[in-house]
Amino acid sequence: MRELWKAGEMREMDRRAIEERGIPSLTLMEWAAQGLAEAVEELASEGRPGMVYLPQAEGEASLDGRTVSFTRNVPGEERRAAVFAGPGNNGGDGVAAARLLLARGWQVRCFLVGERGKMSADCRSMAQRLEEAGGTLEDFRPGEPDQTAWTLGADVVVDALFGVGLNAPLRTAAAHAVALMNRAGAPVVSADIPSGVETDTGRMLGDAVEAAVTVTFSRAKPGLYVGKGALHAGRVVVHDIGIPADILVGEGWHTAAIDRGDVRSWLPARPADGHKGTFGKTLILGGSVGYTGAPALAARGALRAGGGLVTVVTDPAVYPIVACKCDEAMARPIPERSAKLLALAGKCDAVLVGPGLGRDRRRHELSLMLLEELSCPVVVDADGLTALAGHMEVLEKRRGRSTILTPHDGEFARLGGDLSGEDRLGKAREFAVRWGCILVLKGHRTITALPDGRCLVNTTGNAGMAKGGSGDVLAGMLVSLLGQGMEPGKAAAAAVYLHGLAGDLAAAELGERGMLPSDLVDRLPRAMG
């Protein structure tokens, strides 16, 4: 797992390294600059995406109502870098990186975006070192043709305006600098976090830099993985700046991004002498008139995720249709007596309630009954969430038992969640703790929030999965992993990761526009392999 640390936590780690361990702050800054310079050179070696070098590479761009002409160096000439530095310590990282690039043969211009009188002591020291090395820290003048032309003609741009310290919308010169960096067309390397992105939430504070690479220091930050920040961070590189490892351990992780290695280590073993009962008995309550595909997709997802026995219990009116769709899963009509459904579900290792179930009173009563009475893990999705929304007290009754809710944003709002402040991570954590459940808040970078306040952020998936039926596949996978005995928090995060990975495999083969939820199911074996 890649731990994600908030701004306040990182400032405390920096303080401890400097004050308790005696590591000079300028030494930490030099190490940070080294990471930035290495990222710049790596991007330059990859070339400018989509650019063809010509003997006289020239161009024009319209900015702030004026047309600016610029030229680019041709192959064999020195590379050019434009560095935008704020007056704080993040700016000091950028100024130091400018000096390192000069020493490596780059043509560099470094622009101070902010007042010189507000420069931190370390930033001032790095500006002096830059001058001693033959460089200059220029005052940034928005719209000035020479500075604009240089930036537009640069091979790489460095964004070192604010780092983790930004907590208010960009203003004046900083906003102009961000707009220029985004307009330049050259790849941008951001220091710690793209300027304009809030560190702890990933929300945009006005405009934000669109980075190709973000070099983040010591530990990754939540804003690089959630919210709009995840769209602006580009490739995230965690760079060691010399803070002792025991300080970085802290009190244990609160938020982390999972990877394929984590998921593979969590998946349950498949003993050679296992039988169908060994790999879990699961029940799916779903399906109604007009919604016969949902439970069938959930069943296929459950089986592809390794489940041994899957039973779909569905509306008697559509039972023949659902049964025809379930070649590998068993299908039954909903019994007339609720006690029979409860007895059937009580023999299972995990139960899924909701895919295409319908929203009439009878379905709501069945959903709530299973939630109240079952001791096994229960996944609540789709129409099951609608039933729960008016009866949240049921979650109080289930404290101590595993309950996993899988809402998208609209369903989350119906459950009482509030995303108006664009803090998906914080609100997901708050909800899971409040109700003692596991919350899978679906969307770009799905968040799995655990009852103890920890959160796992997903890193797979794509826009091609935004089609009806994708969530049914996920719900089926999740109940299957629970039925196989996985620890519920890990089962939820693993199902989300593998679901997204299957989507990425489908997109690579079929393209995002034409892929279907059933394509995810077909690629689950490769995703899990």
Protein backbone atom coordinates (compact mmCIF):
# COMPACT_ATOMS: atom_id res chain seq x y z
CA MET A 1 0.00 0.00 0.00
CA ARG A 2 1.03 3.57 -0.64
CA GLU A 3 0.30 5.60 2.48
CA LEU A 4 -1.32 9.00 1.94
CA TRP A 5 -0.45 11.67 4.50
CA LYS A 6 -2.21 14.97 5.11
CA ALA A 7 -0.49 18.35 5.00
CA GLY A 8 -0.44 18.74 8.78
CA GLU A 9 1.06 15.29 9.25
CA MET A 10 3.85 16.04 6.80
CA ARG A 11 4.64 19.39 8.39
CA GLU A 12 4.99 17.62 11.71
CA MET A 13 7.34 15.03 10.21
CA ASP A 14 9.47 17.81 8.72
CA ARG A 15 9.57 19.57 12.09
CA ARG A 16 10.65 16.43 13.91
CA ALA A 17 13.40 15.70 11.39
CA ILE A 18 14.76 19.24 11.73
CA GLU A 19 14.28 19.93 15.44
CA GLU A 20 14.59 16.48 17.00
CA ARG A 21 17.11 14.84 14.66
CA GLY A 22 19.10 17.92 13.72
CA ILE A 23 18.78 17.52 9.95
CA PRO A 24 19.27 20.96 8.33
CA SER A 25 16.17 22.12 6.49
CA LEU A 26 18.34 23.13 3.53
CA THR A 27 19.56 19.54 3.30
CA LEU A 28 15.95 18.32 3.02
CA MET A 29 15.37 20.97 0.37
CA GLU A 30 18.40 19.88 -1.64
CA TRP A 31 17.12 16.31 -1.65
CA ALA A 32 13.71 17.49 -2.79
CA ALA A 33 15.32 19.49 -5.60
CA GLN A 34 17.25 16.41 -6.67
CA GLY A 35 13.98 14.55 -7.20
CA LEU A 36 12.56 17.41 -9.26
CA ALA A 37 15.66 17.65 -11.46
CA GLU A 38 15.66 13.92 -12.09
CA ALA A 39 11.99 14.02 -13.13
CA VAL A 40 12.68 16.92 -15.49
CA GLU A 41 15.53 15.09 -17.19
CA GLU A 42 13.48 11.91 -17.48
CA LEU A 43 10.64 13.79 -19.16
CA ALA A 44 13.07 15.49 -21.53
CA SER A 45 14.56 12.15 -22.54
CA GLU A 46 11.05 10.93 -23.42
CA GLY A 47 10.57 13.88 -25.77
CA ARG A 48 7.68 16.30 -26.10
CA PRO A 49 4.48 14.30 -26.69
CA GLY A 50 3.13 14.93 -30.16
CA MET A 51 5.86 17.42 -31.10
CA VAL A 52 7.93 17.19 -34.27
CA TYR A 53 11.26 19.04 -34.12
CA LEU A 54 11.91 21.23 -37.16
CA PRO A 55 15.11 23.13 -38.08
CA GLN A 56 13.40 26.34 -36.98
CA ALA A 57 10.66 25.28 -34.54
CA GLU A 58 8.49 28.37 -34.11
CA GLY A 59 4.96 29.08 -33.06
CA GLU A 60 2.44 31.61 -31.85
CA ALA A 61 -0.05 31.49 -28.99
CA SER A 62 -2.86 33.75 -27.90
CA LEU A 63 -2.72 34.62 -24.21
CA ASP A 64 -4.66 37.28 -22.31
CA GLY A 65 -5.86 38.79 -25.56
CA ARG A 66 -2.42 39.12 -27.14
CA THR A 67 -0.45 36.98 -29.58
CA VAL A 68 3.00 35.83 -28.45
CA SER A 69 5.61 34.36 -30.79
CA PHE A 70 8.06 31.76 -29.49
CA THR A 71 10.80 29.39 -30.66
CA ARG A 72 12.00 26.05 -29.39
CA ASN A 73 15.50 24.67 -29.42
CA VAL A 74 16.18 21.94 -31.95
CA PRO A 75 17.76 18.55 -31.17
CA GLY A 76 21.40 18.86 -30.19
CA GLU A 77 20.94 22.22 -28.52
CA GLU A 78 20.64 22.78 -24.79
CA ARG A 79 17.27 21.94 -23.31
CA ARG A 80 15.18 24.72 -21.85
CA ALA A 81 13.32 24.76 -18.54
CA ALA A 82 10.95 27.33 -17.08
CA VAL A 83 10.72 27.15 -13.28
CA PHE A 84 7.90 28.89 -11.40
CA ALA A 85 8.70 29.29 -7.72
CA GLY A 86 6.61 30.70 -4.90
CA PRO A 87 8.16 32.59 -1.97
CA GLY A 88 7.79 29.70 0.50
CA ASN A 89 9.77 26.52 0.99
CA ASN A 90 8.07 24.80 -1.93
CA GLY A 91 9.45 27.63 -4.04
CA GLY A 92 12.85 26.97 -2.49
CA ASP A 93 12.64 23.41 -3.81
CA GLY A 94 12.04 24.81 -7.29
CA VAL A 95 14.85 27.37 -7.08
CA ALA A 96 17.27 24.66 -5.97
CA ALA A 97 16.11 22.44 -8.85
CA ALA A 98 16.78 25.32 -11.27
CA ARG A 99 20.37 25.46 -10.01
CA LEU A 100 20.81 21.69 -10.43
CA LEU A 101 19.48 21.85 -13.99
CA LEU A 102 21.90 24.67 -14.81
CA ALA A 103 24.73 22.49 -13.57
CA ARG A 104 23.54 19.73 -15.88
CA GLY A 105 23.72 21.92 -18.95
CA TRP A 106 20.15 23.18 -19.20
CA GLN A 107 19.09 26.67 -20.15
CA VAL A 108 16.96 27.73 -17.20
CA ARG A 109 14.89 30.74 -16.27
CA CYS A 110 13.42 30.79 -12.78
CA PHE A 111 10.47 33.07 -12.04
CA LEU A 112 9.49 34.20 -8.53
CA VAL A 113 5.69 34.32 -8.28
CA GLY A 114 5.08 36.41 -5.18
CA GLU A 115 6.69 39.14 -3.13
CA ARG A 116 10.40 39.00 -2.35
CA GLY A 117 9.70 40.41 1.07
CA LYS A 118 7.68 37.28 1.89
CA MET A 119 10.36 34.78 0.89
CA SER A 120 11.16 32.18 3.53
CA ALA A 121 14.71 32.05 4.86
CA ASP A 122 15.40 28.78 3.04
CA CYS A 123 14.00 30.10 -0.22
CA ARG A 124 16.31 33.12 0.10
CA SER A 125 19.28 30.84 0.68
CA MET A 126 18.46 28.84 -2.43
CA ALA A 127 18.07 32.04 -4.47
CA GLN A 128 21.57 33.07 -3.36
CA ARG A 129 22.98 29.68 -4.34
CA LEU A 130 21.28 30.02 -7.74
CA GLU A 131 22.93 33.40 -8.32
CA GLU A 132 26.32 32.03 -7.26
CA ALA A 133 25.87 29.31 -9.88
CA GLY A 134 25.22 31.87 -12.60
CA GLY A 135 21.43 31.88 -12.55
CA THR A 136 18.86 34.53 -11.69
CA LEU A 137 15.60 34.52 -9.80
CA GLU A 138 13.42 36.83 -11.87
CA ASP A 139 10.24 38.50 -10.70
CA PHE A 140 7.31 37.03 -12.62
CA ARG A 141 5.44 39.64 -14.62
CA PRO A 142 2.11 38.30 -15.93
CA GLY A 143 1.76 38.86 -19.65
CA GLU A 144 5.36 40.02 -20.15
CA PRO A 145 6.18 38.85 -23.72
CA ASP A 146 9.75 37.66 -23.09
CA GLN A 147 8.87 35.50 -20.08
CA THR A 148 5.78 34.18 -21.82
CA ALA A 149 7.72 33.29 -24.96
CA TRP A 150 10.38 31.48 -22.93
CA THR A 151 7.75 29.41 -21.12
CA LEU A 152 5.93 28.54 -24.33
CA GLY A 153 9.20 27.40 -25.89
CA ALA A 154 10.42 25.38 -22.90
CA ASP A 155 10.97 21.65 -23.06
CA VAL A 156 9.84 21.16 -19.46
CA VAL A 157 8.11 23.44 -16.94
CA VAL A 158 8.50 23.13 -13.16
CA ASP A 159 5.64 24.09 -10.85
CA ALA A 160 6.91 24.95 -7.36
CA LEU A 161 4.42 27.60 -6.31
CA PHE A 162 2.79 26.36 -3.13
CA GLY A 163 3.13 22.67 -2.31
CA VAL A 164 1.01 21.39 0.57
CA GLY A 165 0.50 24.83 2.08
CA LEU A 166 -2.24 26.11 -0.23
CA ASN A 167 -5.64 26.47 1.46
CA ALA A 168 -7.30 29.33 -0.46
CA PRO A 169 -8.13 29.99 -4.11
CA LEU A 170 -5.33 31.17 -6.38
CA ARG A 171 -5.09 34.91 -6.90
CA THR A 172 -3.55 37.42 -9.31
CA ALA A 173 0.00 36.50 -10.32
CA ALA A 174 -0.29 32.88 -9.15
CA ALA A 175 -3.44 32.37 -11.21
CA HIS A 176 -1.67 33.87 -14.25
CA ALA A 177 1.32 31.58 -13.69
CA VAL A 178 -0.88 28.47 -13.51
CA ALA A 179 -2.71 29.48 -16.70
CA LEU A 180 0.62 30.01 -18.49
CA MET A 181 2.01 26.65 -17.36
CA ASN A 182 -1.11 24.88 -18.59
CA ARG A 183 -0.99 26.75 -21.89
CA ALA A 184 2.68 26.07 -22.54
CA GLY A 185 2.21 22.60 -24.02
CA ALA A 186 5.41 21.36 -22.41
CA PRO A 187 5.11 18.66 -19.74
CA VAL A 188 4.92 20.06 -16.22
CA VAL A 189 6.67 18.64 -13.15
CA SER A 190 4.92 19.69 -9.94
CA ALA A 191 6.67 19.81 -6.59
CA ASP A 192 4.78 17.86 -3.91
CA ILE A 193 1.29 18.58 -5.33
CA PRO A 194 0.07 20.54 -8.38
CA SER A 195 -0.52 24.17 -7.49
CA GLY A 196 -4.23 24.86 -7.12
CA VAL A 197 -5.04 21.43 -5.64
CA GLU A 198 -5.92 21.16 -1.95
CA THR A 199 -3.65 18.62 -0.32
CA ASP A 200 -6.07 16.83 1.97
CA THR A 201 -9.16 16.68 -0.26
CA GLY A 202 -8.04 16.90 -3.89
CA ARG A 203 -10.49 19.72 -4.59
CA MET A 204 -9.45 22.53 -6.92
CA LEU A 205 -8.89 25.97 -5.41
CA GLY A 206 -9.73 27.88 -8.58
CA ASP A 207 -7.59 26.72 -11.48
CA ALA A 208 -4.90 24.08 -11.02
CA VAL A 209 -1.73 22.96 -12.78
CA GLU A 210 -2.12 19.98 -15.09
CA ALA A 211 1.04 18.05 -14.25
CA ALA A 212 2.60 15.28 -16.29
CA VAL A 213 4.53 14.17 -13.21
CA THR A 214 4.17 15.09 -9.56
CA VAL A 215 7.24 14.50 -7.42
CA THR A 216 5.83 14.26 -3.92
CA PHE A 217 8.17 14.21 -0.96
CA SER A 218 8.54 11.43 1.64
CA ARG A 219 4.91 10.28 1.44
CA ALA A 220 2.13 10.68 -1.12
CA LYS A 221 -0.76 13.02 -0.30
CA PRO A 222 -4.52 12.30 -0.48
CA GLY A 223 -5.11 15.15 -2.94
CA LEU A 224 -3.02 13.32 -5.54
CA TYR A 225 -5.44 10.38 -5.54
CA VAL A 226 -8.94 11.73 -4.85
CA GLY A 227 -11.17 14.50 -6.20
CA LYS A 228 -10.07 16.61 -9.14
CA GLY A 229 -6.51 16.40 -7.86
CA ALA A 230 -6.31 12.84 -9.16
CA LEU A 231 -6.93 14.21 -12.67
CA HIS A 232 -4.22 16.87 -12.35
CA ALA A 233 -1.40 14.92 -10.68
CA GLY A 234 -0.21 12.89 -13.66
CA ARG A 235 2.26 10.17 -12.71
CA VAL A 236 3.04 10.32 -9.01
CA VAL A 237 6.62 9.73 -7.88
CA VAL A 238 7.33 9.50 -4.14
CA HIS A 239 10.83 10.87 -3.51
CA ASP A 240 12.82 10.29 -0.34
CA ILE A 241 14.24 13.56 1.04
CA GLY A 242 16.06 12.03 4.00
CA ILE A 243 13.48 12.04 6.79
CA PRO A 244 14.34 9.06 9.06
CA ALA A 245 12.14 6.03 8.47
CA ASP A 246 11.08 5.70 12.11
CA ILE A 247 9.61 9.22 12.00
CA LEU A 248 7.65 8.39 8.87
CA VAL A 249 6.06 5.38 10.52
CA GLY A 250 4.06 7.71 12.75
CA GLU A 251 1.03 6.16 14.46
CA GLY A 252 0.10 3.90 11.54
CA TRP A 253 -1.68 4.64 8.29
CA HIS A 254 -5.07 6.31 8.08
CA THR A 255 -5.40 6.51 4.29
CA ALA A 256 -3.68 4.45 1.62
CA ALA A 257 -3.82 3.71 -2.09
CA ILE A 258 -3.80 -0.01 -2.85
CA ASP A 259 -1.93 -1.78 -5.63
CA ARG A 260 -1.98 -5.14 -7.33
CA GLY A 261 0.53 -6.64 -4.90
CA ASP A 262 -1.75 -5.83 -1.98
CA VAL A 263 -4.74 -7.45 -3.64
CA ARG A 264 -2.89 -10.58 -4.65
CA SER A 265 -1.66 -11.07 -1.09
CA TRP A 266 -5.21 -10.69 0.24
CA LEU A 267 -6.99 -13.14 -2.06
CA PRO A 268 -7.92 -16.41 -0.34
CA ALA A 269 -6.02 -19.58 -1.14
CA ARG A 270 -7.57 -22.24 -3.38
CA PRO A 271 -6.72 -25.57 -1.68
CA ALA A 272 -6.18 -28.40 -4.11
CA ASP A 273 -8.71 -30.59 -2.31
CA GLY A 274 -11.36 -27.87 -2.08
CA HIS A 275 -14.91 -28.38 -3.34
CA LYS A 276 -17.72 -26.01 -4.25
CA GLY A 277 -18.73 -25.58 -0.64
CA THR A 278 -15.18 -24.63 0.27
CA PHE A 279 -15.33 -21.47 -1.81
CA GLY A 280 -18.42 -19.94 -0.32
CA LYS A 281 -22.17 -20.04 -0.55
CA THR A 282 -23.68 -16.71 -1.51
CA LEU A 283 -27.19 -15.45 -2.12
CA ILE A 284 -28.25 -12.54 -4.31
CA LEU A 285 -31.67 -11.00 -3.77
CA GLY A 286 -32.50 -8.98 -6.88
CA GLY A 287 -34.33 -8.64 -10.15
CA SER A 288 -37.78 -7.33 -11.07
CA VAL A 289 -39.79 -6.44 -14.15
CA GLY A 290 -37.51 -4.42 -16.43
CA TYR A 291 -34.42 -5.28 -14.42
CA THR A 292 -33.58 -8.89 -15.15
CA GLY A 293 -29.98 -8.26 -16.19
CA ALA A 294 -28.81 -6.85 -12.85
CA PRO A 295 -28.96 -10.04 -10.76
CA ALA A 296 -27.57 -12.10 -13.64
CA LEU A 297 -24.55 -9.80 -13.99
CA ALA A 298 -24.03 -9.88 -10.22
CA ALA A 299 -24.14 -13.69 -10.30
CA ARG A 300 -21.60 -13.86 -13.13
CA GLY A 301 -19.34 -11.45 -11.25
CA ALA A 302 -19.61 -13.60 -8.13
CA LEU A 303 -18.70 -16.78 -9.97
CA ARG A 304 -15.84 -15.19 -11.90
CA ALA A 305 -14.47 -13.91 -8.59
CA GLY A 306 -14.11 -17.48 -7.41
CA GLY A 307 -17.38 -18.18 -5.60
CA GLY A 308 -18.38 -21.82 -5.23
CA LEU A 309 -22.18 -21.71 -5.02
CA VAL A 310 -24.27 -18.71 -6.04
CA THR A 311 -28.04 -18.53 -5.69
CA VAL A 312 -30.18 -15.78 -7.19
CA VAL A 313 -33.55 -15.19 -5.54
CA THR A 314 -35.74 -13.03 -7.75
CA ASP A 315 -39.22 -11.69 -8.41
CA PRO A 316 -41.56 -14.58 -9.38
CA ALA A 317 -42.80 -12.46 -12.30
CA VAL A 318 -39.39 -12.52 -13.94
CA TYR A 319 -38.06 -15.79 -12.53
CA PRO A 320 -38.14 -17.66 -15.88
CA ILE A 321 -36.17 -14.89 -17.57
CA VAL A 322 -33.57 -14.64 -14.81
CA ALA A 323 -33.24 -18.40 -14.64
CA CYS A 324 -32.47 -18.50 -18.38
CA LYS A 325 -29.72 -15.95 -17.86
CA CYS A 326 -28.11 -17.94 -15.02
CA ASP A 327 -26.42 -20.95 -16.54
CA GLU A 328 -23.85 -21.39 -13.75
CA ALA A 329 -25.78 -19.87 -10.83
CA MET A 330 -28.93 -21.30 -9.27
CA ALA A 331 -32.14 -19.26 -9.51
CA ARG A 332 -35.25 -19.33 -7.34
CA PRO A 333 -38.38 -17.21 -7.10
CA ILE A 334 -38.85 -15.20 -3.92
CA PRO A 335 -40.81 -17.41 -1.50
CA GLU A 336 -44.26 -16.25 -0.47
CA ARG A 337 -43.29 -16.57 3.18
CA SER A 338 -40.51 -14.27 4.36
CA ALA A 339 -39.36 -16.90 6.85
CA LYS A 340 -38.38 -19.22 4.00
CA LEU A 341 -36.21 -16.54 2.41
CA LEU A 342 -34.58 -15.88 5.76
CA ALA A 343 -33.91 -19.58 6.27
CA LEU A 344 -32.36 -19.86 2.80
CA ALA A 345 -30.17 -16.79 3.32
CA GLY A 346 -29.20 -17.97 6.80
CA LYS A 347 -27.42 -20.97 5.30
CA CYS A 348 -25.14 -18.72 3.23
CA ASP A 349 -21.74 -17.26 3.99
CA ALA A 350 -22.62 -13.83 2.55
CA VAL A 351 -25.67 -12.13 1.06
CA LEU A 352 -26.14 -9.36 -1.52
CA VAL A 353 -29.34 -7.31 -1.42
CA GLY A 354 -30.53 -4.95 -4.12
CA PRO A 355 -29.47 -5.39 -7.78
CA GLY A 356 -32.58 -4.59 -9.82
CA LEU A 357 -34.78 -5.61 -6.87
CA GLY A 358 -37.44 -2.97 -7.31
CA ARG A 359 -38.74 -0.37 -4.90
CA ASP A 360 -42.17 -1.52 -3.81
CA ARG A 361 -43.02 -1.97 -0.15
CA ARG A 362 -42.64 -5.75 -0.20
CA ARG A 363 -39.08 -5.55 -1.57
CA HIS A 364 -38.13 -2.92 1.01
CA GLU A 365 -39.46 -5.11 3.80
CA LEU A 366 -37.45 -8.10 2.59
CA SER A 367 -34.27 -6.03 2.34
CA LEU A 368 -34.63 -4.65 5.85
CA MET A 369 -35.54 -8.07 7.28
CA LEU A 370 -32.34 -9.62 5.95
CA LEU A 371 -30.28 -6.75 7.26
CA GLU A 372 -31.80 -7.02 10.72
CA GLU A 373 -31.76 -10.79 11.07
CA LEU A 374 -28.69 -12.13 9.28
CA SER A 375 -25.44 -12.55 11.16
CA CYS A 376 -23.32 -13.14 8.03
CA PRO A 377 -21.81 -10.26 5.99
CA VAL A 378 -24.42 -8.40 3.93
CA VAL A 379 -23.71 -6.22 0.89
CA VAL A 380 -26.35 -3.57 0.18
CA ASP A 381 -26.47 -2.15 -3.34
CA ALA A 382 -28.87 -0.28 -5.65
CA ASP A 383 -32.51 -0.75 -4.58
CA GLY A 384 -31.35 -2.19 -1.27
CA LEU A 385 -29.79 1.21 -0.52
CA THR A 386 -33.09 2.91 -1.33
CA ALA A 387 -34.84 0.67 1.18
CA LEU A 388 -32.21 1.43 3.80
CA ALA A 389 -32.31 5.20 3.26
CA GLY A 390 -35.53 5.60 5.19
CA HIS A 391 -34.48 3.23 7.97
CA MET A 392 -30.89 4.03 8.93
CA GLU A 393 -31.55 2.78 12.43
CA VAL A 394 -31.12 -0.73 11.00
CA LEU A 395 -27.40 -0.04 10.73
CA GLU A 396 -27.31 0.64 14.46
CA LYS A 397 -28.80 -2.81 15.04
CA ARG A 398 -26.10 -4.38 12.86
CA ARG A 399 -23.12 -2.91 14.74
CA GLY A 400 -20.59 -5.65 15.27
CA ARG A 401 -21.73 -7.45 12.11
CA SER A 402 -20.24 -6.81 8.66
CA THR A 403 -22.36 -4.50 6.54
CA ILE A 404 -21.02 -3.14 3.24
CA LEU A 405 -22.82 -0.33 1.43
CA THR A 406 -21.93 0.42 -2.21
CA PRO A 407 -23.53 3.76 -3.19
CA HIS A 408 -22.72 6.13 -6.01
CA ASP A 409 -22.90 9.83 -5.18
CA GLY A 410 -26.67 10.14 -5.62
CA GLU A 411 -27.36 7.11 -3.43
CA PHE A 412 -24.89 8.40 -0.86
CA ALA A 413 -26.87 11.64 -0.65
CA ARG A 414 -30.08 9.67 -0.07
CA LEU A 415 -28.34 7.89 2.81
CA GLY A 416 -27.54 11.25 4.38
CA GLY A 417 -24.05 11.77 2.99
CA ASP A 418 -23.00 15.28 2.01
CA LEU A 419 -20.47 15.87 -0.78
CA SER A 420 -21.18 19.57 -1.26
CA GLY A 421 -17.75 20.49 0.10
CA GLU A 422 -15.97 18.22 -2.42
CA ASP A 423 -14.31 16.26 0.38
CA ARG A 424 -15.21 12.73 -0.68
CA LEU A 425 -12.52 11.18 1.47
CA GLY A 426 -13.49 13.00 4.64
CA LYS A 427 -17.22 12.44 4.17
CA ALA A 428 -16.79 8.74 3.38
CA ARG A 429 -14.69 8.30 6.52
CA GLU A 430 -17.20 10.24 8.62
CA PHE A 431 -20.12 8.12 7.38
CA ALA A 432 -18.41 4.75 7.94
CA VAL A 433 -17.43 5.67 11.49
CA ARG A 434 -20.86 7.11 12.28
CA TRP A 435 -22.79 4.02 11.18
CA GLY A 436 -20.24 1.30 11.93
CA CYS A 437 -20.27 -0.02 8.37
CA ILE A 438 -17.92 -0.38 5.41
CA LEU A 439 -18.71 2.23 2.79
CA VAL A 440 -17.69 1.75 -0.85
CA LEU A 441 -18.25 5.23 -2.28
CA LYS A 442 -18.21 4.57 -6.02
CA GLY A 443 -16.90 6.95 -8.65
CA HIS A 444 -13.57 8.05 -10.04
CA ARG A 445 -11.04 6.73 -7.51
CA THR A 446 -13.60 4.77 -5.48
CA ILE A 447 -13.06 5.06 -1.73
CA THR A 448 -13.46 2.16 0.69
CA ALA A 449 -14.01 3.60 4.17
CA LEU A 450 -13.78 1.32 7.20
CA PRO A 451 -15.58 1.63 10.54
CA ASP A 452 -12.33 2.42 12.36
CA GLY A 453 -11.76 5.53 10.21
CA ARG A 454 -9.18 4.11 7.82
CA CYS A 455 -9.71 4.56 4.07
CA LEU A 456 -8.42 2.73 1.01
CA VAL A 457 -8.34 4.58 -2.31
CA ASN A 458 -8.64 2.70 -5.58
CA THR A 459 -6.33 3.42 -8.52
CA THR A 460 -7.87 1.36 -11.33
CA GLY A 461 -10.80 1.87 -13.68
CA ASN A 462 -11.83 4.18 -16.49
CA ALA A 463 -14.76 6.12 -17.94
CA GLY A 464 -15.79 3.18 -20.13
CA MET A 465 -17.16 1.53 -16.99
CA ALA A 466 -19.74 4.29 -16.54
CA LYS A 467 -22.60 2.17 -17.86
CA GLY A 468 -25.58 0.52 -16.23
CA GLY A 469 -24.64 -2.94 -15.01
CA SER A 470 -21.03 -2.24 -14.00
CA GLY A 471 -22.05 -1.76 -10.39
CA ASP A 472 -23.93 -5.06 -10.40
CA VAL A 473 -20.75 -6.86 -11.44
CA LEU A 474 -18.86 -5.17 -8.59
CA ALA A 475 -21.50 -6.08 -6.02
CA GLY A 476 -21.40 -9.71 -7.13
CA MET A 477 -17.62 -9.82 -6.89
CA LEU A 478 -17.71 -8.33 -3.42
CA VAL A 479 -20.25 -10.77 -1.99
CA SER A 480 -18.26 -13.61 -3.56
CA LEU A 481 -15.01 -12.60 -1.85
CA LEU A 482 -16.86 -12.24 1.44
CA GLY A 483 -18.34 -15.70 0.97
CA GLN A 484 -14.84 -17.10 0.44
CA GLY A 485 -13.89 -15.86 3.87
CA MET A 486 -11.95 -12.69 3.13
CA GLU A 487 -11.75 -10.05 5.84
CA PRO A 488 -14.55 -7.61 4.89
CA GLY A 489 -12.48 -4.44 4.49
CA LYS A 490 -9.94 -6.20 2.30
CA ALA A 491 -12.70 -7.94 0.35
CA ALA A 492 -14.32 -4.59 -0.45
CA ALA A 493 -11.08 -2.89 -1.51
CA ALA A 494 -9.93 -5.92 -3.50
CA ALA A 495 -13.24 -6.22 -5.35
CA VAL A 496 -13.08 -2.54 -6.31
CA TYR A 497 -9.47 -2.84 -7.49
CA LEU A 498 -10.03 -5.99 -9.55
CA HIS A 499 -13.26 -4.62 -11.00
CA GLY A 500 -11.37 -1.53 -12.19
CA LEU A 501 -8.46 -3.60 -13.49
CA ALA A 502 -10.84 -5.76 -15.51
CA GLY A 503 -12.28 -2.52 -16.89
CA ASP A 504 -8.82 -1.32 -17.84
CA LEU A 505 -8.13 -4.58 -19.65
CA ALA A 506 -11.42 -4.26 -21.51
CA ALA A 507 -10.70 -0.65 -22.46
CA ALA A 508 -7.25 -1.58 -23.78
CA GLU A 509 -8.76 -4.21 -26.06
CA LEU A 510 -12.12 -2.70 -27.02
CA GLY A 511 -11.92 1.02 -26.30
CA GLU A 512 -13.87 2.85 -23.63
CA ARG A 513 -16.87 3.73 -25.79
CA GLY A 514 -17.81 0.23 -26.87
CA MET A 515 -17.01 -1.87 -23.81
CA LEU A 516 -19.85 -3.44 -21.81
CA PRO A 517 -20.27 -4.59 -18.20
CA SER A 518 -20.20 -8.17 -19.45
CA ASP A 519 -16.74 -7.46 -20.86
CA LEU A 520 -15.56 -6.80 -17.31
CA VAL A 521 -16.81 -10.21 -16.24
CA ASP A 522 -14.98 -11.91 -19.09
CA ARG A 523 -11.69 -10.29 -18.11
CA LEU A 524 -11.85 -10.99 -14.39
CA PRO A 525 -9.79 -14.21 -14.70
CA ARG A 526 -6.90 -12.20 -16.18
CA ALA A 527 -7.30 -9.44 -13.61
CA MET A 528 -7.17 -11.96 -10.77
CA GLY A 529 -4.40 -14.06 -12.30
